Amino acid sequence: MVLSWPPKGTDSTLFRRCGGARVVAEDPSLNSLSGMCHGHRTERGSVSQPWTMIDESDEFIARRIRDTGWAVQLIPEDEEEPAFAYMIGLFRNYGHAERILFGL
């Protein structure tokens, strides 16, 4: 059995409201996943094994472009650079120039 977080098919807000705290109390290792980025998920084979992070952000962007024709990729600020975002898919799907936004 493979354990996944967040639970597949679960709305995370609803999950937290309906017993998520109880689940975390039973498995404190879930606290280590609190900083997990959007587009990532984790799996492990059993509760005694460590979590393995799986980056699905490329698939998320590809799915978004398939569904809507475009996507926005946010890049958070760090010690050296400000945050920015760029759009993907506008030119290919709509003939419109791609956009990049700085100073978010």
PDB file of N, CA and C in Angstrom:
ATOM      1  N   MET A   1       0.842  -1.175   0.000  1.00  0.00           N
ATOM      2  CA  MET A   1       0.000   0.000   0.000  1.00  0.00           C
ATOM      3  C   MET A   1       0.890   1.240   0.000  1.00  0.00           C
ATOM      4  N   VAL A   2       0.540   2.218  -0.840  1.00  0.00           N
ATOM      5  CA  VAL A   2       1.268   3.476  -0.894  1.00  0.00           C
ATOM      6  C   VAL A   2       0.415   4.549  -0.235  1.00  0.00           C
ATOM      7  N   LEU A   3       0.990   5.256   0.710  1.00  0.00           N
ATOM      8  CA  LEU A   3       0.298   6.357   1.372  1.00  0.00           C
ATOM      9  C   LEU A   3       0.649   7.646   0.661  1.00  0.00           C
ATOM     10  N   SER A   4      -0.335   8.472   0.355  1.00  0.00           N
ATOM     11  CA  SER A   4      -0.116   9.735  -0.345  1.00  0.00           C
ATOM     12  C   SER A   4      -0.599  10.889   0.501  1.00  0.00           C
ATOM     13  N   TRP A   5       0.039  12.047   0.321  1.00  0.00           N
ATOM     14  CA  TRP A   5      -0.406  13.280   0.980  1.00  0.00           C
ATOM     15  C   TRP A   5      -0.306  14.419   0.007  1.00  0.00           C
ATOM     16  N   PRO A   6      -1.307  15.256  -0.186  1.00  0.00           N
ATOM     17  CA  PRO A   6      -2.617  15.127   0.441  1.00  0.00           C
ATOM     18  C   PRO A   6      -3.356  13.899  -0.072  1.00  0.00           C
ATOM     19  N   PRO A   7      -4.325  13.403   0.692  1.00  0.00           N
ATOM     20  CA  PRO A   7      -5.055  12.212   0.247  1.00  0.00           C
ATOM     21  C   PRO A   7      -5.677  12.453  -1.124  1.00  0.00           C
ATOM     22  N   LYS A   8      -5.498  11.513  -2.033  1.00  0.00           N
ATOM     23  CA  LYS A   8      -5.994  11.684  -3.401  1.00  0.00           C
ATOM     24  C   LYS A   8      -7.496  11.930  -3.397  1.00  0.00           C
ATOM     25  N   GLY A   9      -7.926  12.891  -4.197  1.00  0.00           N
ATOM     26  CA  GLY A   9      -9.340  13.214  -4.303  1.00  0.00           C
ATOM     27  C   GLY A   9      -9.887  13.988  -3.130  1.00  0.00           C
ATOM     28  N   THR A  10      -9.026  14.531  -2.287  1.00  0.00           N
ATOM     29  CA  THR A  10      -9.471  15.241  -1.089  1.00  0.00           C
ATOM     30  C   THR A  10      -9.272  16.734  -1.243  1.00  0.00           C
ATOM     31  N   ASP A  11     -10.304  17.505  -0.972  1.00  0.00           N
ATOM     32  CA  ASP A  11     -10.176  18.947  -0.881  1.00  0.00           C
ATOM     33  C   ASP A  11      -9.480  19.228   0.441  1.00  0.00           C
ATOM     34  N   SER A  12      -8.282  19.824   0.393  1.00  0.00           N
ATOM     35  CA  SER A  12      -7.486  19.964   1.616  1.00  0.00           C
ATOM     36  C   SER A  12      -8.167  20.837   2.663  1.00  0.00           C
ATOM     37  N   THR A  13      -8.938  21.864   2.259  1.00  0.00           N
ATOM     38  CA  THR A  13      -9.638  22.702   3.234  1.00  0.00           C
ATOM     39  C   THR A  13     -10.696  21.889   3.958  1.00  0.00           C
ATOM     40  N   LEU A  14     -11.474  21.134   3.208  1.00  0.00           N
ATOM     41  CA  LEU A  14     -12.497  20.287   3.806  1.00  0.00           C
ATOM     42  C   LEU A  14     -11.850  19.231   4.699  1.00  0.00           C
ATOM     43  N   PHE A  15     -10.722  18.678   4.259  1.00  0.00           N
ATOM     44  CA  PHE A  15     -10.012  17.670   5.045  1.00  0.00           C
ATOM     45  C   PHE A  15      -9.595  18.231   6.400  1.00  0.00           C
ATOM     46  N   ARG A  16      -9.053  19.458   6.411  1.00  0.00           N
ATOM     47  CA  ARG A  16      -8.622  20.069   7.673  1.00  0.00           C
ATOM     48  C   ARG A  16      -9.813  20.306   8.591  1.00  0.00           C
ATOM     49  N   ARG A  17     -10.947  20.744   8.026  1.00  0.00           N
ATOM     50  CA  ARG A  17     -12.120  21.027   8.842  1.00  0.00           C
ATOM     51  C   ARG A  17     -12.755  19.758   9.407  1.00  0.00           C
ATOM     52  N   CYS A  18     -12.584  18.642   8.710  1.00  0.00           N
ATOM     53  CA  CYS A  18     -13.292  17.416   9.092  1.00  0.00           C
ATOM     54  C   CYS A  18     -12.355  16.346   9.635  1.00  0.00           C
ATOM     55  N   GLY A  19     -11.445  16.708  10.499  1.00  0.00           N
ATOM     56  CA  GLY A  19     -10.644  15.696  11.162  1.00  0.00           C
ATOM     57  C   GLY A  19      -9.182  15.675  10.802  1.00  0.00           C
ATOM     58  N   GLY A  20      -8.709  16.622  10.028  1.00  0.00           N
ATOM     59  CA  GLY A  20      -7.307  16.657   9.665  1.00  0.00           C
ATOM     60  C   GLY A  20      -6.398  16.727  10.885  1.00  0.00           C
ATOM     61  N   ALA A  21      -6.808  17.461  11.920  1.00  0.00           N
ATOM     62  CA  ALA A  21      -5.993  17.575  13.135  1.00  0.00           C
ATOM     63  C   ALA A  21      -5.841  16.216  13.813  1.00  0.00           C
ATOM     64  N   ARG A  22      -6.881  15.424  13.786  1.00  0.00           N
ATOM     65  CA  ARG A  22      -6.817  14.084  14.373  1.00  0.00           C
ATOM     66  C   ARG A  22      -5.810  13.224  13.609  1.00  0.00           C
ATOM     67  N   VAL A  23      -5.823  13.330  12.281  1.00  0.00           N
ATOM     68  CA  VAL A  23      -4.903  12.549  11.463  1.00  0.00           C
ATOM     69  C   VAL A  23      -3.460  12.943  11.768  1.00  0.00           C
ATOM     70  N   VAL A  24      -3.209  14.246  11.884  1.00  0.00           N
ATOM     71  CA  VAL A  24      -1.854  14.719  12.193  1.00  0.00           C
ATOM     72  C   VAL A  24      -1.448  14.265  13.597  1.00  0.00           C
ATOM     73  N   ALA A  25      -2.367  14.267  14.537  1.00  0.00           N
ATOM     74  CA  ALA A  25      -2.046  13.798  15.883  1.00  0.00           C
ATOM     75  C   ALA A  25      -1.644  12.325  15.872  1.00  0.00           C
ATOM     76  N   GLU A  26      -2.275  11.547  14.999  1.00  0.00           N
ATOM     77  CA  GLU A  26      -1.937  10.125  14.891  1.00  0.00           C
ATOM     78  C   GLU A  26      -0.630   9.896  14.146  1.00  0.00           C
ATOM     79  N   ASP A  27      -0.263  10.821  13.250  1.00  0.00           N
ATOM     80  CA  ASP A  27       0.974  10.684  12.466  1.00  0.00           C
ATOM     81  C   ASP A  27       1.678  12.034  12.416  1.00  0.00           C
ATOM     82  N   PRO A  28       2.464  12.386  13.455  1.00  0.00           N
ATOM     83  CA  PRO A  28       3.138  13.686  13.507  1.00  0.00           C
ATOM     84  C   PRO A  28       4.085  13.951  12.346  1.00  0.00           C
ATOM     85  N   SER A  29       4.499  12.915  11.596  1.00  0.00           N
ATOM     86  CA  SER A  29       5.389  13.141  10.460  1.00  0.00           C
ATOM     87  C   SER A  29       4.724  14.004   9.388  1.00  0.00           C
ATOM     88  N   LEU A  30       3.401  14.123   9.428  1.00  0.00           N
ATOM     89  CA  LEU A  30       2.698  14.987   8.472  1.00  0.00           C
ATOM     90  C   LEU A  30       3.085  16.451   8.667  1.00  0.00           C
ATOM     91  N   ASN A  31       3.501  16.828   9.877  1.00  0.00           N
ATOM     92  CA  ASN A  31       3.948  18.202  10.127  1.00  0.00           C
ATOM     93  C   ASN A  31       5.135  18.568   9.250  1.00  0.00           C
ATOM     94  N   SER A  32       5.968  17.603   8.917  1.00  0.00           N
ATOM     95  CA  SER A  32       7.130  17.886   8.072  1.00  0.00           C
ATOM     96  C   SER A  32       6.730  18.241   6.646  1.00  0.00           C
ATOM     97  N   LEU A  33       5.468  18.021   6.281  1.00  0.00           N
ATOM     98  CA  LEU A  33       4.992  18.315   4.929  1.00  0.00           C
ATOM     99  C   LEU A  33       4.317  19.678   4.833  1.00  0.00           C
ATOM    100  N   SER A  34       4.303  20.436   5.904  1.00  0.00           N
ATOM    101  CA  SER A  34       3.563  21.699   5.929  1.00  0.00           C
ATOM    102  C   SER A  34       4.087  22.725   4.940  1.00  0.00           C
ATOM    103  N   GLY A  35       5.359  22.682   4.583  1.00  0.00           N
ATOM    104  CA  GLY A  35       5.918  23.635   3.630  1.00  0.00           C
ATOM    105  C   GLY A  35       5.900  23.143   2.195  1.00  0.00           C
ATOM    106  N   MET A  36       5.154  22.087   1.931  1.00  0.00           N
ATOM    107  CA  MET A  36       5.122  21.501   0.600  1.00  0.00           C
ATOM    108  C   MET A  36       4.541  22.486  -0.409  1.00  0.00           C
ATOM    109  N   CYS A  37       5.184  22.611  -1.537  1.00  0.00           N
ATOM    110  CA  CYS A  37       4.765  23.547  -2.578  1.00  0.00           C
ATOM    111  C   CYS A  37       3.588  23.004  -3.372  1.00  0.00           C
ATOM    112  N   HIS A  38       2.847  23.944  -3.979  1.00  0.00           N
ATOM    113  CA  HIS A  38       1.778  23.575  -4.889  1.00  0.00           C
ATOM    114  C   HIS A  38       2.384  22.783  -6.045  1.00  0.00           C
ATOM    115  N   GLY A  39       1.728  21.740  -6.481  1.00  0.00           N
ATOM    116  CA  GLY A  39       2.262  20.929  -7.558  1.00  0.00           C
ATOM    117  C   GLY A  39       3.152  19.804  -7.082  1.00  0.00           C
ATOM    118  N   HIS A  40       3.252  19.632  -5.777  1.00  0.00           N
ATOM    119  CA  HIS A  40       4.032  18.537  -5.211  1.00  0.00           C
ATOM    120  C   HIS A  40       3.090  17.617  -4.434  1.00  0.00           C
ATOM    121  N   ARG A  41       3.488  16.384  -4.351  1.00  0.00           N
ATOM    122  CA  ARG A  41       2.794  15.437  -3.482  1.00  0.00           C
ATOM    123  C   ARG A  41       3.853  14.528  -2.877  1.00  0.00           C
ATOM    124  N   THR A  42       3.469  13.759  -1.906  1.00  0.00           N
ATOM    125  CA  THR A  42       4.406  12.857  -1.256  1.00  0.00           C
ATOM    126  C   THR A  42       3.804  11.470  -1.178  1.00  0.00           C
ATOM    127  N   GLU A  43       4.681  10.496  -1.091  1.00  0.00           N
ATOM    128  CA  GLU A  43       4.249   9.117  -0.923  1.00  0.00           C
ATOM    129  C   GLU A  43       5.221   8.400   0.003  1.00  0.00           C
ATOM    130  N   ARG A  44       4.730   7.324   0.597  1.00  0.00           N
ATOM    131  CA  ARG A  44       5.588   6.406   1.346  1.00  0.00           C
ATOM    132  C   ARG A  44       4.890   5.052   1.388  1.00  0.00           C
ATOM    133  N   GLY A  45       5.664   4.017   1.512  1.00  0.00           N
ATOM    134  CA  GLY A  45       5.124   2.664   1.496  1.00  0.00           C
ATOM    135  C   GLY A  45       4.443   2.252   2.785  1.00  0.00           C
ATOM    136  N   SER A  46       4.889   2.808   3.907  1.00  0.00           N
ATOM    137  CA  SER A  46       4.279   2.499   5.205  1.00  0.00           C
ATOM    138  C   SER A  46       4.603   3.636   6.162  1.00  0.00           C
ATOM    139  N   VAL A  47       3.960   3.634   7.312  1.00  0.00           N
ATOM    140  CA  VAL A  47       4.177   4.713   8.268  1.00  0.00           C
ATOM    141  C   VAL A  47       5.579   4.706   8.849  1.00  0.00           C
ATOM    142  N   SER A  48       6.289   3.595   8.727  1.00  0.00           N
ATOM    143  CA  SER A  48       7.655   3.548   9.252  1.00  0.00           C
ATOM    144  C   SER A  48       8.682   4.062   8.243  1.00  0.00           C
ATOM    145  N   GLN A  49       8.280   4.308   7.008  1.00  0.00           N
ATOM    146  CA  GLN A  49       9.193   4.795   5.980  1.00  0.00           C
ATOM    147  C   GLN A  49       9.123   6.316   5.881  1.00  0.00           C
ATOM    148  N   PRO A  50      10.199   6.958   5.391  1.00  0.00           N
ATOM    149  CA  PRO A  50      10.171   8.415   5.214  1.00  0.00           C
ATOM    150  C   PRO A  50       9.317   8.793   3.996  1.00  0.00           C
ATOM    151  N   TRP A  51       8.843  10.032   3.994  1.00  0.00           N
ATOM    152  CA  TRP A  51       8.072  10.553   2.868  1.00  0.00           C
ATOM    153  C   TRP A  51       9.001  10.805   1.683  1.00  0.00           C
ATOM    154  N   THR A  52       8.535  10.543   0.474  1.00  0.00           N
ATOM    155  CA  THR A  52       9.249  10.839  -0.760  1.00  0.00           C
ATOM    156  C   THR A  52       8.480  11.939  -1.485  1.00  0.00           C
ATOM    157  N   MET A  53       9.150  13.062  -1.767  1.00  0.00           N
ATOM    158  CA  MET A  53       8.516  14.197  -2.437  1.00  0.00           C
ATOM    159  C   MET A  53       8.474  13.950  -3.943  1.00  0.00           C
ATOM    160  N   ILE A  54       7.315  14.189  -4.554  1.00  0.00           N
ATOM    161  CA  ILE A  54       7.132  14.016  -5.992  1.00  0.00           C
ATOM    162  C   ILE A  54       6.694  15.356  -6.568  1.00  0.00           C
ATOM    163  N   ASP A  55       7.493  15.890  -7.482  1.00  0.00           N
ATOM    164  CA  ASP A  55       7.219  17.189  -8.094  1.00  0.00           C
ATOM    165  C   ASP A  55       6.353  16.983  -9.326  1.00  0.00           C
ATOM    166  N   GLU A  56       5.117  17.461  -9.259  1.00  0.00           N
ATOM    167  CA  GLU A  56       4.192  17.350 -10.379  1.00  0.00           C
ATOM    168  C   GLU A  56       3.909  18.709 -11.007  1.00  0.00           C
ATOM    169  N   SER A  57       4.768  19.693 -10.744  1.00  0.00           N
ATOM    170  CA  SER A  57       4.489  21.039 -11.231  1.00  0.00           C
ATOM    171  C   SER A  57       4.508  21.116 -12.758  1.00  0.00           C
ATOM    172  N   ASP A  58       5.416  20.382 -13.422  1.00  0.00           N
ATOM    173  CA  ASP A  58       5.422  20.398 -14.890  1.00  0.00           C
ATOM    174  C   ASP A  58       4.124  19.831 -15.446  1.00  0.00           C
ATOM    175  N   GLU A  59       3.641  18.746 -14.855  1.00  0.00           N
ATOM    176  CA  GLU A  59       2.377  18.158 -15.303  1.00  0.00           C
ATOM    177  C   GLU A  59       1.210  19.099 -15.008  1.00  0.00           C
ATOM    178  N   PHE A  60       1.256  19.795 -13.872  1.00  0.00           N
ATOM    179  CA  PHE A  60       0.206  20.755 -13.535  1.00  0.00           C
ATOM    180  C   PHE A  60       0.133  21.858 -14.595  1.00  0.00           C
ATOM    181  N   ILE A  61       1.296  22.398 -14.985  1.00  0.00           N
ATOM    182  CA  ILE A  61       1.327  23.462 -15.998  1.00  0.00           C
ATOM    183  C   ILE A  61       0.840  22.932 -17.340  1.00  0.00           C
ATOM    184  N   ALA A  62       1.309  21.747 -17.746  1.00  0.00           N
ATOM    185  CA  ALA A  62       0.867  21.159 -19.024  1.00  0.00           C
ATOM    186  C   ALA A  62      -0.643  20.939 -19.029  1.00  0.00           C
ATOM    187  N   ARG A  63      -1.187  20.447 -17.914  1.00  0.00           N
ATOM    188  CA  ARG A  63      -2.633  20.231 -17.812  1.00  0.00           C
ATOM    189  C   ARG A  63      -3.385  21.554 -17.888  1.00  0.00           C
ATOM    190  N   ARG A  64      -2.868  22.582 -17.215  1.00  0.00           N
ATOM    191  CA  ARG A  64      -3.506  23.898 -17.240  1.00  0.00           C
ATOM    192  C   ARG A  64      -3.530  24.447 -18.669  1.00  0.00           C
ATOM    193  N   ILE A  65      -2.421  24.307 -19.394  1.00  0.00           N
ATOM    194  CA  ILE A  65      -2.366  24.792 -20.783  1.00  0.00           C
ATOM    195  C   ILE A  65      -3.329  23.993 -21.658  1.00  0.00           C
ATOM    196  N   ARG A  66      -3.395  22.678 -21.455  1.00  0.00           N
ATOM    197  CA  ARG A  66      -4.364  21.865 -22.229  1.00  0.00           C
ATOM    198  C   ARG A  66      -5.790  22.311 -21.958  1.00  0.00           C
ATOM    199  N   ASP A  67      -6.108  22.609 -20.689  1.00  0.00           N
ATOM    200  CA  ASP A  67      -7.482  22.958 -20.310  1.00  0.00           C
ATOM    201  C   ASP A  67      -7.880  24.380 -20.686  1.00  0.00           C
ATOM    202  N   THR A  68      -6.954  25.342 -20.537  1.00  0.00           N
ATOM    203  CA  THR A  68      -7.316  26.749 -20.722  1.00  0.00           C
ATOM    204  C   THR A  68      -6.560  27.446 -21.842  1.00  0.00           C
ATOM    205  N   GLY A  69      -5.457  26.843 -22.311  1.00  0.00           N
ATOM    206  CA  GLY A  69      -4.654  27.468 -23.353  1.00  0.00           C
ATOM    207  C   GLY A  69      -3.501  28.292 -22.827  1.00  0.00           C
ATOM    208  N   TRP A  70      -3.427  28.496 -21.528  1.00  0.00           N
ATOM    209  CA  TRP A  70      -2.334  29.281 -20.950  1.00  0.00           C
ATOM    210  C   TRP A  70      -2.169  28.933 -19.466  1.00  0.00           C
ATOM    211  N   ALA A  71      -1.045  29.350 -18.908  1.00  0.00           N
ATOM    212  CA  ALA A  71      -0.769  29.128 -17.486  1.00  0.00           C
ATOM    213  C   ALA A  71       0.124  30.251 -16.980  1.00  0.00           C
ATOM    214  N   VAL A  72       0.130  30.441 -15.685  1.00  0.00           N
ATOM    215  CA  VAL A  72       1.006  31.420 -15.040  1.00  0.00           C
ATOM    216  C   VAL A  72       1.929  30.662 -14.098  1.00  0.00           C
ATOM    217  N   GLN A  73       3.215  30.920 -14.207  1.00  0.00           N
ATOM    218  CA  GLN A  73       4.207  30.324 -13.310  1.00  0.00           C
ATOM    219  C   GLN A  73       4.718  31.410 -12.378  1.00  0.00           C
ATOM    220  N   LEU A  74       4.519  31.222 -11.086  1.00  0.00           N
ATOM    221  CA  LEU A  74       4.983  32.183 -10.092  1.00  0.00           C
ATOM    222  C   LEU A  74       6.349  31.769  -9.576  1.00  0.00           C
ATOM    223  N   ILE A  75       7.250  32.716  -9.476  1.00  0.00           N
ATOM    224  CA  ILE A  75       8.581  32.482  -8.929  1.00  0.00           C
ATOM    225  C   ILE A  75       8.698  33.342  -7.667  1.00  0.00           C
ATOM    226  N   PRO A  76       8.824  32.718  -6.493  1.00  0.00           N
ATOM    227  CA  PRO A  76       8.875  33.510  -5.259  1.00  0.00           C
ATOM    228  C   PRO A  76      10.181  34.282  -5.130  1.00  0.00           C
ATOM    229  N   GLU A  77      10.135  35.344  -4.356  1.00  0.00           N
ATOM    230  CA  GLU A  77      11.355  36.113  -4.121  1.00  0.00           C
ATOM    231  C   GLU A  77      12.324  35.297  -3.276  1.00  0.00           C
ATOM    232  N   ASP A  78      13.591  35.633  -3.400  1.00  0.00           N
ATOM    233  CA  ASP A  78      14.609  35.036  -2.543  1.00  0.00           C
ATOM    234  C   ASP A  78      15.523  36.155  -2.067  1.00  0.00           C
ATOM    235  N   GLU A  79      16.658  35.816  -1.498  1.00  0.00           N
ATOM    236  CA  GLU A  79      17.560  36.830  -0.945  1.00  0.00           C
ATOM    237  C   GLU A  79      18.121  37.765  -2.012  1.00  0.00           C
ATOM    238  N   GLU A  80      18.197  37.296  -3.258  1.00  0.00           N
ATOM    239  CA  GLU A  80      18.843  38.071  -4.317  1.00  0.00           C
ATOM    240  C   GLU A  80      17.886  38.664  -5.345  1.00  0.00           C
ATOM    241  N   GLU A  81      16.728  38.072  -5.534  1.00  0.00           N
ATOM    242  CA  GLU A  81      15.826  38.485  -6.611  1.00  0.00           C
ATOM    243  C   GLU A  81      14.409  38.722  -6.090  1.00  0.00           C
ATOM    244  N   PRO A  82      13.684  39.678  -6.693  1.00  0.00           N
ATOM    245  CA  PRO A  82      12.281  39.870  -6.321  1.00  0.00           C
ATOM    246  C   PRO A  82      11.401  38.785  -6.945  1.00  0.00           C
ATOM    247  N   ALA A  83      10.203  38.667  -6.439  1.00  0.00           N
ATOM    248  CA  ALA A  83       9.247  37.714  -7.008  1.00  0.00           C
ATOM    249  C   ALA A  83       8.838  38.174  -8.405  1.00  0.00           C
ATOM    250  N   PHE A  84       8.494  37.212  -9.255  1.00  0.00           N
ATOM    251  CA  PHE A  84       7.950  37.537 -10.569  1.00  0.00           C
ATOM    252  C   PHE A  84       7.094  36.383 -11.055  1.00  0.00           C
ATOM    253  N   ALA A  85       6.347  36.632 -12.097  1.00  0.00           N
ATOM    254  CA  ALA A  85       5.494  35.610 -12.701  1.00  0.00           C
ATOM    255  C   ALA A  85       5.581  35.747 -14.210  1.00  0.00           C
ATOM    256  N   TYR A  86       5.450  34.629 -14.890  1.00  0.00           N
ATOM    257  CA  TYR A  86       5.408  34.685 -16.345  1.00  0.00           C
ATOM    258  C   TYR A  86       4.299  33.777 -16.856  1.00  0.00           C
ATOM    259  N   MET A  87       3.785  34.136 -18.025  1.00  0.00           N
ATOM    260  CA  MET A  87       2.689  33.395 -18.645  1.00  0.00           C
ATOM    261  C   MET A  87       3.253  32.496 -19.731  1.00  0.00           C
ATOM    262  N   ILE A  88       2.623  31.355 -19.908  1.00  0.00           N
ATOM    263  CA  ILE A  88       3.040  30.355 -20.875  1.00  0.00           C
ATOM    264  C   ILE A  88       1.823  29.973 -21.714  1.00  0.00           C
ATOM    265  N   GLY A  89       2.006  29.899 -23.021  1.00  0.00           N
ATOM    266  CA  GLY A  89       0.953  29.398 -23.902  1.00  0.00           C
ATOM    267  C   GLY A  89       0.174  30.460 -24.656  1.00  0.00           C
ATOM    268  N   LEU A  90       0.331  31.733 -24.312  1.00  0.00           N
ATOM    269  CA  LEU A  90      -0.451  32.768 -24.977  1.00  0.00           C
ATOM    270  C   LEU A  90      -0.117  32.879 -26.465  1.00  0.00           C
ATOM    271  N   PHE A  91       1.169  32.853 -26.806  1.00  0.00           N
ATOM    272  CA  PHE A  91       1.546  33.010 -28.211  1.00  0.00           C
ATOM    273  C   PHE A  91       1.114  31.798 -29.026  1.00  0.00           C
ATOM    274  N   ARG A  92       1.423  30.619 -28.544  1.00  0.00           N
ATOM    275  CA  ARG A  92       1.109  29.406 -29.299  1.00  0.00           C
ATOM    276  C   ARG A  92      -0.393  29.227 -29.498  1.00  0.00           C
ATOM    277  N   ASN A  93      -1.177  29.501 -28.482  1.00  0.00           N
ATOM    278  CA  ASN A  93      -2.612  29.231 -28.558  1.00  0.00           C
ATOM    279  C   ASN A  93      -3.467  30.412 -28.992  1.00  0.00           C
ATOM    280  N   TYR A  94      -2.966  31.640 -28.788  1.00  0.00           N
ATOM    281  CA  TYR A  94      -3.785  32.810 -29.092  1.00  0.00           C
ATOM    282  C   TYR A  94      -3.081  33.840 -29.959  1.00  0.00           C
ATOM    283  N   GLY A  95      -1.791  33.602 -30.305  1.00  0.00           N
ATOM    284  CA  GLY A  95      -1.045  34.570 -31.102  1.00  0.00           C
ATOM    285  C   GLY A  95      -0.753  35.853 -30.345  1.00  0.00           C
ATOM    286  N   HIS A  96      -0.822  35.803 -29.033  1.00  0.00           N
ATOM    287  CA  HIS A  96      -0.619  36.977 -28.184  1.00  0.00           C
ATOM    288  C   HIS A  96       0.767  36.882 -27.543  1.00  0.00           C
ATOM    289  N   ALA A  97       1.421  38.011 -27.383  1.00  0.00           N
ATOM    290  CA  ALA A  97       2.749  38.026 -26.750  1.00  0.00           C
ATOM    291  C   ALA A  97       2.670  37.467 -25.334  1.00  0.00           C
ATOM    292  N   GLU A  98       3.689  36.721 -24.946  1.00  0.00           N
ATOM    293  CA  GLU A  98       3.776  36.219 -23.575  1.00  0.00           C
ATOM    294  C   GLU A  98       4.017  37.408 -22.646  1.00  0.00           C
ATOM    295  N   ARG A  99       3.664  37.262 -21.389  1.00  0.00           N
ATOM    296  CA  ARG A  99       3.824  38.333 -20.406  1.00  0.00           C
ATOM    297  C   ARG A  99       4.727  37.882 -19.268  1.00  0.00           C
ATOM    298  N   ILE A 100       5.450  38.847 -18.708  1.00  0.00           N
ATOM    299  CA  ILE A 100       6.210  38.601 -17.491  1.00  0.00           C
ATOM    300  C   ILE A 100       5.956  39.781 -16.565  1.00  0.00           C
ATOM    301  N   LEU A 101       5.716  39.498 -15.298  1.00  0.00           N
ATOM    302  CA  LEU A 101       5.388  40.524 -14.317  1.00  0.00           C
ATOM    303  C   LEU A 101       6.423  40.520 -13.212  1.00  0.00           C
ATOM    304  N   PHE A 102       6.946  41.675 -12.880  1.00  0.00           N
ATOM    305  CA  PHE A 102       7.950  41.824 -11.819  1.00  0.00           C
ATOM    306  C   PHE A 102       7.362  42.615 -10.655  1.00  0.00           C
ATOM    307  N   GLY A 103       7.995  42.512  -9.506  1.00  0.00           N
ATOM    308  CA  GLY A 103       7.634  43.331  -8.350  1.00  0.00           C
ATOM    309  C   GLY A 103       6.344  42.911  -7.690  1.00  0.00           C
ATOM    310  N   LEU A 104       6.092  41.625  -7.640  1.00  0.00           N
ATOM    311  CA  LEU A 104       4.846  41.132  -7.052  1.00  0.00           C
ATOM    312  C   LEU A 104       4.903  41.122  -5.545  1.00  0.00           C
TER     313      LEU A 104
END
